[in-house]
């Protein structure tokens, strides 16, 4: 991640994952896996808020709320 440009008051993050970490070796062809993520707003003195994609993380751990990610070869 790059340093935050304070004058612009924006932060851009680009996540990247190694395919072998995302798709276990036993998966062949297409598979459906649970997916959710949270981006939190915190300046070090506690969480002010968050933005999430799907549920199941920020308000307690509940994998039943995760979305679907389809992994294909």
PDB file of N, CA and C in Angstrom:
ATOM      1  N   UNK A   1       0.852  -1.170   0.000  1.00  0.00           N
ATOM      2  CA  UNK A   1       0.000   0.000   0.000  1.00  0.00           C
ATOM      3  C   UNK A   1       0.897   1.232   0.000  1.00  0.00           C
ATOM      4  N   UNK A   2       0.450   2.251  -0.671  1.00  0.00           N
ATOM      5  CA  UNK A   2       1.186   3.503  -0.719  1.00  0.00           C
ATOM      6  C   UNK A   2       0.825   4.375   0.475  1.00  0.00           C
ATOM      7  N   UNK A   3       1.675   5.346   0.753  1.00  0.00           N
ATOM      8  CA  UNK A   3       1.392   6.292   1.830  1.00  0.00           C
ATOM      9  C   UNK A   3       0.145   7.099   1.484  1.00  0.00           C
ATOM     10  N   UNK A   4      -0.634   7.428   2.493  1.00  0.00           N
ATOM     11  CA  UNK A   4      -1.863   8.196   2.290  1.00  0.00           C
ATOM     12  C   UNK A   4      -1.527   9.642   1.933  1.00  0.00           C
ATOM     13  N   UNK A   5      -2.092  10.158   0.817  1.00  0.00           N
ATOM     14  CA  UNK A   5      -1.894  11.570   0.479  1.00  0.00           C
ATOM     15  C   UNK A   5      -2.834  12.420   1.337  1.00  0.00           C
ATOM     16  N   UNK A   6      -2.345  13.017   2.389  1.00  0.00           N
ATOM     17  CA  UNK A   6      -3.180  13.751   3.345  1.00  0.00           C
ATOM     18  C   UNK A   6      -3.952  14.902   2.712  1.00  0.00           C
ATOM     19  N   UNK A   7      -3.378  15.556   1.710  1.00  0.00           N
ATOM     20  CA  UNK A   7      -4.088  16.668   1.079  1.00  0.00           C
ATOM     21  C   UNK A   7      -5.367  16.195   0.392  1.00  0.00           C
ATOM     22  N   UNK A   8      -5.345  15.009  -0.192  1.00  0.00           N
ATOM     23  CA  UNK A   8      -6.511  14.485  -0.890  1.00  0.00           C
ATOM     24  C   UNK A   8      -7.502  13.822   0.064  1.00  0.00           C
ATOM     25  N   UNK A   9      -7.047  13.438   1.249  1.00  0.00           N
ATOM     26  CA  UNK A   9      -7.900  12.765   2.242  1.00  0.00           C
ATOM     27  C   UNK A   9      -8.514  11.478   1.693  1.00  0.00           C
ATOM     28  N   UNK A  10      -7.748  10.756   0.871  1.00  0.00           N
ATOM     29  CA  UNK A  10      -8.218   9.477   0.341  1.00  0.00           C
ATOM     30  C   UNK A  10      -7.132   8.413   0.521  1.00  0.00           C
ATOM     31  N   UNK A  11      -7.556   7.181   0.606  1.00  0.00           N
ATOM     32  CA  UNK A  11      -6.640   6.054   0.671  1.00  0.00           C
ATOM     33  C   UNK A  11      -7.133   5.006  -0.307  1.00  0.00           C
ATOM     34  N   UNK A  12      -6.248   4.495  -1.116  1.00  0.00           N
ATOM     35  CA  UNK A  12      -6.590   3.454  -2.068  1.00  0.00           C
ATOM     36  C   UNK A  12      -5.804   2.197  -1.736  1.00  0.00           C
ATOM     37  N   UNK A  13      -6.513   1.080  -1.601  1.00  0.00           N
ATOM     38  CA  UNK A  13      -5.883  -0.205  -1.315  1.00  0.00           C
ATOM     39  C   UNK A  13      -6.218  -1.169  -2.436  1.00  0.00           C
ATOM     40  N   UNK A  14      -5.236  -1.929  -2.874  1.00  0.00           N
ATOM     41  CA  UNK A  14      -5.449  -2.950  -3.888  1.00  0.00           C
ATOM     42  C   UNK A  14      -5.028  -4.293  -3.302  1.00  0.00           C
ATOM     43  N   UNK A  15      -6.008  -5.127  -2.934  1.00  0.00           N
ATOM     44  CA  UNK A  15      -5.647  -6.426  -2.367  1.00  0.00           C
ATOM     45  C   UNK A  15      -5.158  -7.382  -3.450  1.00  0.00           C
ATOM     46  N   UNK A  16      -4.243  -8.245  -3.078  1.00  0.00           N
ATOM     47  CA  UNK A  16      -3.752  -9.284  -3.990  1.00  0.00           C
ATOM     48  C   UNK A  16      -3.557 -10.555  -3.182  1.00  0.00           C
ATOM     49  N   UNK A  17      -3.944 -11.670  -3.766  1.00  0.00           N
ATOM     50  CA  UNK A  17      -3.861 -12.945  -3.079  1.00  0.00           C
ATOM     51  C   UNK A  17      -3.160 -13.957  -3.964  1.00  0.00           C
ATOM     52  N   UNK A  18      -2.327 -14.770  -3.371  1.00  0.00           N
ATOM     53  CA  UNK A  18      -1.713 -15.872  -4.084  1.00  0.00           C
ATOM     54  C   UNK A  18      -2.785 -16.932  -4.335  1.00  0.00           C
ATOM     55  N   UNK A  19      -2.931 -17.384  -5.568  1.00  0.00           N
ATOM     56  CA  UNK A  19      -3.988 -18.329  -5.922  1.00  0.00           C
ATOM     57  C   UNK A  19      -3.955 -19.571  -5.025  1.00  0.00           C
ATOM     58  N   UNK A  20      -2.778 -20.075  -4.682  1.00  0.00           N
ATOM     59  CA  UNK A  20      -2.679 -21.272  -3.845  1.00  0.00           C
ATOM     60  C   UNK A  20      -3.185 -21.027  -2.419  1.00  0.00           C
ATOM     61  N   UNK A  21      -3.172 -19.792  -1.956  1.00  0.00           N
ATOM     62  CA  UNK A  21      -3.720 -19.478  -0.639  1.00  0.00           C
ATOM     63  C   UNK A  21      -5.240 -19.392  -0.664  1.00  0.00           C
ATOM     64  N   UNK A  22      -5.801 -18.999  -1.793  1.00  0.00           N
ATOM     65  CA  UNK A  22      -7.246 -18.825  -1.920  1.00  0.00           C
ATOM     66  C   UNK A  22      -7.937 -20.143  -2.265  1.00  0.00           C
ATOM     67  N   UNK A  23      -7.333 -20.913  -3.148  1.00  0.00           N
ATOM     68  CA  UNK A  23      -7.943 -22.158  -3.621  1.00  0.00           C
ATOM     69  C   UNK A  23      -7.109 -23.340  -3.131  1.00  0.00           C
ATOM     70  N   UNK A  24      -7.597 -24.062  -2.127  1.00  0.00           N
ATOM     71  CA  UNK A  24      -6.843 -25.214  -1.614  1.00  0.00           C
ATOM     72  C   UNK A  24      -6.559 -26.247  -2.703  1.00  0.00           C
ATOM     73  N   UNK A  25      -5.505 -27.014  -2.536  1.00  0.00           N
ATOM     74  CA  UNK A  25      -5.056 -27.978  -3.543  1.00  0.00           C
ATOM     75  C   UNK A  25      -6.126 -29.012  -3.897  1.00  0.00           C
ATOM     76  N   UNK A  26      -7.015 -29.356  -2.970  1.00  0.00           N
ATOM     77  CA  UNK A  26      -8.040 -30.356  -3.218  1.00  0.00           C
ATOM     78  C   UNK A  26      -9.166 -29.892  -4.115  1.00  0.00           C
ATOM     79  N   UNK A  27      -9.234 -28.627  -4.436  1.00  0.00           N
ATOM     80  CA  UNK A  27     -10.316 -28.098  -5.284  1.00  0.00           C
ATOM     81  C   UNK A  27      -9.960 -28.334  -6.748  1.00  0.00           C
ATOM     82  N   UNK A  28     -10.882 -28.920  -7.490  1.00  0.00           N
ATOM     83  CA  UNK A  28     -10.678 -29.130  -8.921  1.00  0.00           C
ATOM     84  C   UNK A  28     -11.903 -28.590  -9.651  1.00  0.00           C
ATOM     85  N   UNK A  29     -11.686 -27.979 -10.791  1.00  0.00           N
ATOM     86  CA  UNK A  29     -12.810 -27.408 -11.537  1.00  0.00           C
ATOM     87  C   UNK A  29     -13.348 -26.186 -10.820  1.00  0.00           C
ATOM     88  N   UNK A  30     -14.672 -26.035 -10.781  1.00  0.00           N
ATOM     89  CA  UNK A  30     -15.318 -24.895 -10.126  1.00  0.00           C
ATOM     90  C   UNK A  30     -15.743 -25.254  -8.718  1.00  0.00           C
ATOM     91  N   UNK A  31     -15.529 -24.351  -7.789  1.00  0.00           N
ATOM     92  CA  UNK A  31     -15.959 -24.538  -6.405  1.00  0.00           C
ATOM     93  C   UNK A  31     -16.525 -23.229  -5.888  1.00  0.00           C
ATOM     94  N   UNK A  32     -17.451 -23.341  -4.972  1.00  0.00           N
ATOM     95  CA  UNK A  32     -18.099 -22.201  -4.335  1.00  0.00           C
ATOM     96  C   UNK A  32     -17.540 -22.092  -2.913  1.00  0.00           C
ATOM     97  N   UNK A  33     -16.958 -20.950  -2.583  1.00  0.00           N
ATOM     98  CA  UNK A  33     -16.433 -20.736  -1.232  1.00  0.00           C
ATOM     99  C   UNK A  33     -17.048 -19.475  -0.649  1.00  0.00           C
ATOM    100  N   UNK A  34     -17.111 -19.389   0.678  1.00  0.00           N
ATOM    101  CA  UNK A  34     -17.647 -18.209   1.346  1.00  0.00           C
ATOM    102  C   UNK A  34     -16.679 -17.044   1.266  1.00  0.00           C
ATOM    103  N   UNK A  35     -17.221 -15.830   1.137  1.00  0.00           N
ATOM    104  CA  UNK A  35     -16.388 -14.639   1.034  1.00  0.00           C
ATOM    105  C   UNK A  35     -17.056 -13.479   1.748  1.00  0.00           C
ATOM    106  N   UNK A  36     -16.297 -12.770   2.538  1.00  0.00           N
ATOM    107  CA  UNK A  36     -16.738 -11.528   3.174  1.00  0.00           C
ATOM    108  C   UNK A  36     -15.488 -10.745   3.548  1.00  0.00           C
ATOM    109  N   UNK A  37     -15.604  -9.436   3.575  1.00  0.00           N
ATOM    110  CA  UNK A  37     -14.490  -8.630   4.080  1.00  0.00           C
ATOM    111  C   UNK A  37     -15.008  -7.339   4.681  1.00  0.00           C
ATOM    112  N   UNK A  38     -14.168  -6.754   5.533  1.00  0.00           N
ATOM    113  CA  UNK A  38     -14.506  -5.510   6.223  1.00  0.00           C
ATOM    114  C   UNK A  38     -13.323  -4.557   6.116  1.00  0.00           C
ATOM    115  N   UNK A  39     -13.609  -3.299   5.839  1.00  0.00           N
ATOM    116  CA  UNK A  39     -12.611  -2.234   5.899  1.00  0.00           C
ATOM    117  C   UNK A  39     -13.035  -1.332   7.040  1.00  0.00           C
ATOM    118  N   UNK A  40     -12.171  -1.197   8.050  1.00  0.00           N
ATOM    119  CA  UNK A  40     -12.562  -0.411   9.220  1.00  0.00           C
ATOM    120  C   UNK A  40     -11.962   0.988   9.188  1.00  0.00           C
ATOM    121  N   UNK A  41     -12.651   1.912   9.812  1.00  0.00           N
ATOM    122  CA  UNK A  41     -12.203   3.296   9.955  1.00  0.00           C
ATOM    123  C   UNK A  41     -11.714   3.464  11.384  1.00  0.00           C
ATOM    124  N   UNK A  42     -10.408   3.533  11.527  1.00  0.00           N
ATOM    125  CA  UNK A  42      -9.815   3.659  12.855  1.00  0.00           C
ATOM    126  C   UNK A  42      -8.538   4.480  12.760  1.00  0.00           C
ATOM    127  N   UNK A  43      -8.404   5.422  13.644  1.00  0.00           N
ATOM    128  CA  UNK A  43      -7.180   6.223  13.718  1.00  0.00           C
ATOM    129  C   UNK A  43      -6.324   5.817  14.906  1.00  0.00           C
ATOM    130  N   UNK A  44      -6.522   4.602  15.387  1.00  0.00           N
ATOM    131  CA  UNK A  44      -5.724   4.101  16.492  1.00  0.00           C
ATOM    132  C   UNK A  44      -6.370   4.278  17.849  1.00  0.00           C
ATOM    133  N   UNK A  45      -7.460   5.016  17.933  1.00  0.00           N
ATOM    134  CA  UNK A  45      -8.111   5.238  19.227  1.00  0.00           C
ATOM    135  C   UNK A  45      -9.491   4.576  19.282  1.00  0.00           C
ATOM    136  N   UNK A  46      -9.648   3.495  18.519  1.00  0.00           N
ATOM    137  CA  UNK A  46     -10.928   2.798  18.494  1.00  0.00           C
ATOM    138  C   UNK A  46     -11.589   2.895  17.144  1.00  0.00           C
ATOM    139  N   UNK A  47     -12.429   1.931  16.853  1.00  0.00           N
ATOM    140  CA  UNK A  47     -13.101   1.879  15.557  1.00  0.00           C
ATOM    141  C   UNK A  47     -14.227   2.909  15.499  1.00  0.00           C
ATOM    142  N   UNK A  48     -14.208   3.779  14.462  1.00  0.00           N
ATOM    143  CA  UNK A  48     -15.260   4.769  14.266  1.00  0.00           C
ATOM    144  C   UNK A  48     -16.380   4.220  13.404  1.00  0.00           C
ATOM    145  N   UNK A  49     -16.083   3.259  12.585  1.00  0.00           N
ATOM    146  CA  UNK A  49     -17.079   2.688  11.691  1.00  0.00           C
ATOM    147  C   UNK A  49     -16.422   1.698  10.755  1.00  0.00           C
ATOM    148  N   UNK A  50     -17.215   1.140   9.821  1.00  0.00           N
ATOM    149  CA  UNK A  50     -16.655   0.200   8.863  1.00  0.00           C
ATOM    150  C   UNK A  50     -17.526   0.115   7.624  1.00  0.00           C
ATOM    151  N   UNK A  51     -16.940  -0.437   6.578  1.00  0.00           N
ATOM    152  CA  UNK A  51     -17.605  -0.728   5.326  1.00  0.00           C
ATOM    153  C   UNK A  51     -17.409  -2.212   5.086  1.00  0.00           C
ATOM    154  N   UNK A  52     -18.478  -2.922   4.774  1.00  0.00           N
ATOM    155  CA  UNK A  52     -18.326  -4.363   4.599  1.00  0.00           C
ATOM    156  C   UNK A  52     -18.934  -4.835   3.291  1.00  0.00           C
ATOM    157  N   UNK A  53     -18.419  -5.928   2.813  1.00  0.00           N
ATOM    158  CA  UNK A  53     -18.975  -6.652   1.677  1.00  0.00           C
ATOM    159  C   UNK A  53     -19.460  -7.974   2.233  1.00  0.00           C
ATOM    160  N   UNK A  54     -20.758  -8.157   2.290  1.00  0.00           N
ATOM    161  CA  UNK A  54     -21.416  -9.304   2.897  1.00  0.00           C
ATOM    162  C   UNK A  54     -21.328  -9.174   4.420  1.00  0.00           C
ATOM    163  N   UNK A  55     -22.047  -9.988   5.124  1.00  0.00           N
ATOM    164  CA  UNK A  55     -22.044  -9.949   6.583  1.00  0.00           C
ATOM    165  C   UNK A  55     -21.205 -11.075   7.147  1.00  0.00           C
ATOM    166  N   UNK A  56     -21.293 -11.215   8.464  1.00  0.00           N
ATOM    167  CA  UNK A  56     -20.651 -12.332   9.124  1.00  0.00           C
ATOM    168  C   UNK A  56     -19.298 -12.051   9.732  1.00  0.00           C
ATOM    169  N   UNK A  57     -18.866 -10.776   9.755  1.00  0.00           N
ATOM    170  CA  UNK A  57     -17.562 -10.464  10.346  1.00  0.00           C
ATOM    171  C   UNK A  57     -17.683  -9.361  11.390  1.00  0.00           C
ATOM    172  N   UNK A  58     -18.130  -8.163  10.989  1.00  0.00           N
ATOM    173  CA  UNK A  58     -18.072  -6.986  11.853  1.00  0.00           C
ATOM    174  C   UNK A  58     -18.972  -7.078  13.082  1.00  0.00           C
ATOM    175  N   UNK A  59     -20.133  -7.698  12.943  1.00  0.00           N
ATOM    176  CA  UNK A  59     -21.063  -7.780  14.074  1.00  0.00           C
ATOM    177  C   UNK A  59     -21.085  -9.168  14.707  1.00  0.00           C
ATOM    178  N   UNK A  60     -20.017  -9.874  14.593  1.00  0.00           N
ATOM    179  CA  UNK A  60     -19.937 -11.230  15.129  1.00  0.00           C
ATOM    180  C   UNK A  60     -19.640 -12.218  14.015  1.00  0.00           C
ATOM    181  N   UNK A  61     -18.991 -13.291  14.360  1.00  0.00           N
ATOM    182  CA  UNK A  61     -18.576 -14.272  13.359  1.00  0.00           C
ATOM    183  C   UNK A  61     -19.734 -15.205  13.023  1.00  0.00           C
ATOM    184  N   UNK A  62     -20.197 -15.146  11.756  1.00  0.00           N
ATOM    185  CA  UNK A  62     -21.306 -15.967  11.305  1.00  0.00           C
ATOM    186  C   UNK A  62     -21.113 -16.308   9.825  1.00  0.00           C
ATOM    187  N   UNK A  63     -20.419 -17.419   9.517  1.00  0.00           N
ATOM    188  CA  UNK A  63     -20.152 -17.783   8.125  1.00  0.00           C
ATOM    189  C   UNK A  63     -21.411 -17.960   7.271  1.00  0.00           C
ATOM    190  N   UNK A  64     -22.578 -18.176   7.878  1.00  0.00           N
ATOM    191  CA  UNK A  64     -23.815 -18.316   7.115  1.00  0.00           C
ATOM    192  C   UNK A  64     -24.153 -17.017   6.371  1.00  0.00           C
ATOM    193  N   UNK A  65     -23.595 -15.877   6.794  1.00  0.00           N
ATOM    194  CA  UNK A  65     -23.853 -14.596   6.145  1.00  0.00           C
ATOM    195  C   UNK A  65     -22.873 -14.288   5.017  1.00  0.00           C
ATOM    196  N   UNK A  66     -21.822 -15.096   4.871  1.00  0.00           N
ATOM    197  CA  UNK A  66     -20.818 -14.849   3.839  1.00  0.00           C
ATOM    198  C   UNK A  66     -21.451 -14.941   2.456  1.00  0.00           C
ATOM    199  N   UNK A  67     -20.879 -14.221   1.509  1.00  0.00           N
ATOM    200  CA  UNK A  67     -21.309 -14.313   0.116  1.00  0.00           C
ATOM    201  C   UNK A  67     -20.632 -15.478  -0.582  1.00  0.00           C
ATOM    202  N   UNK A  68     -20.928 -15.671  -1.841  1.00  0.00           N
ATOM    203  CA  UNK A  68     -20.353 -16.764  -2.606  1.00  0.00           C
ATOM    204  C   UNK A  68     -19.289 -16.259  -3.557  1.00  0.00           C
ATOM    205  N   UNK A  69     -18.160 -16.924  -3.570  1.00  0.00           N
ATOM    206  CA  UNK A  69     -17.108 -16.685  -4.563  1.00  0.00           C
ATOM    207  C   UNK A  69     -16.947 -17.980  -5.328  1.00  0.00           C
ATOM    208  N   UNK A  70     -17.067 -17.919  -6.628  1.00  0.00           N
ATOM    209  CA  UNK A  70     -16.927 -19.092  -7.477  1.00  0.00           C
ATOM    210  C   UNK A  70     -15.494 -19.116  -8.016  1.00  0.00           C
ATOM    211  N   UNK A  71     -14.769 -20.163  -7.661  1.00  0.00           N
ATOM    212  CA  UNK A  71     -13.375 -20.317  -8.100  1.00  0.00           C
ATOM    213  C   UNK A  71     -13.354 -21.261  -9.286  1.00  0.00           C
ATOM    214  N   UNK A  72     -12.715 -20.825 -10.377  1.00  0.00           N
ATOM    215  CA  UNK A  72     -12.638 -21.646 -11.593  1.00  0.00           C
ATOM    216  C   UNK A  72     -11.197 -21.777 -12.024  1.00  0.00           C
ATOM    217  N   UNK A  73     -10.905 -22.896 -12.629  1.00  0.00           N
ATOM    218  CA  UNK A  73      -9.570 -23.092 -13.224  1.00  0.00           C
ATOM    219  C   UNK A  73      -9.509 -22.344 -14.522  1.00  0.00           C
TER     220      UNK A  73
END
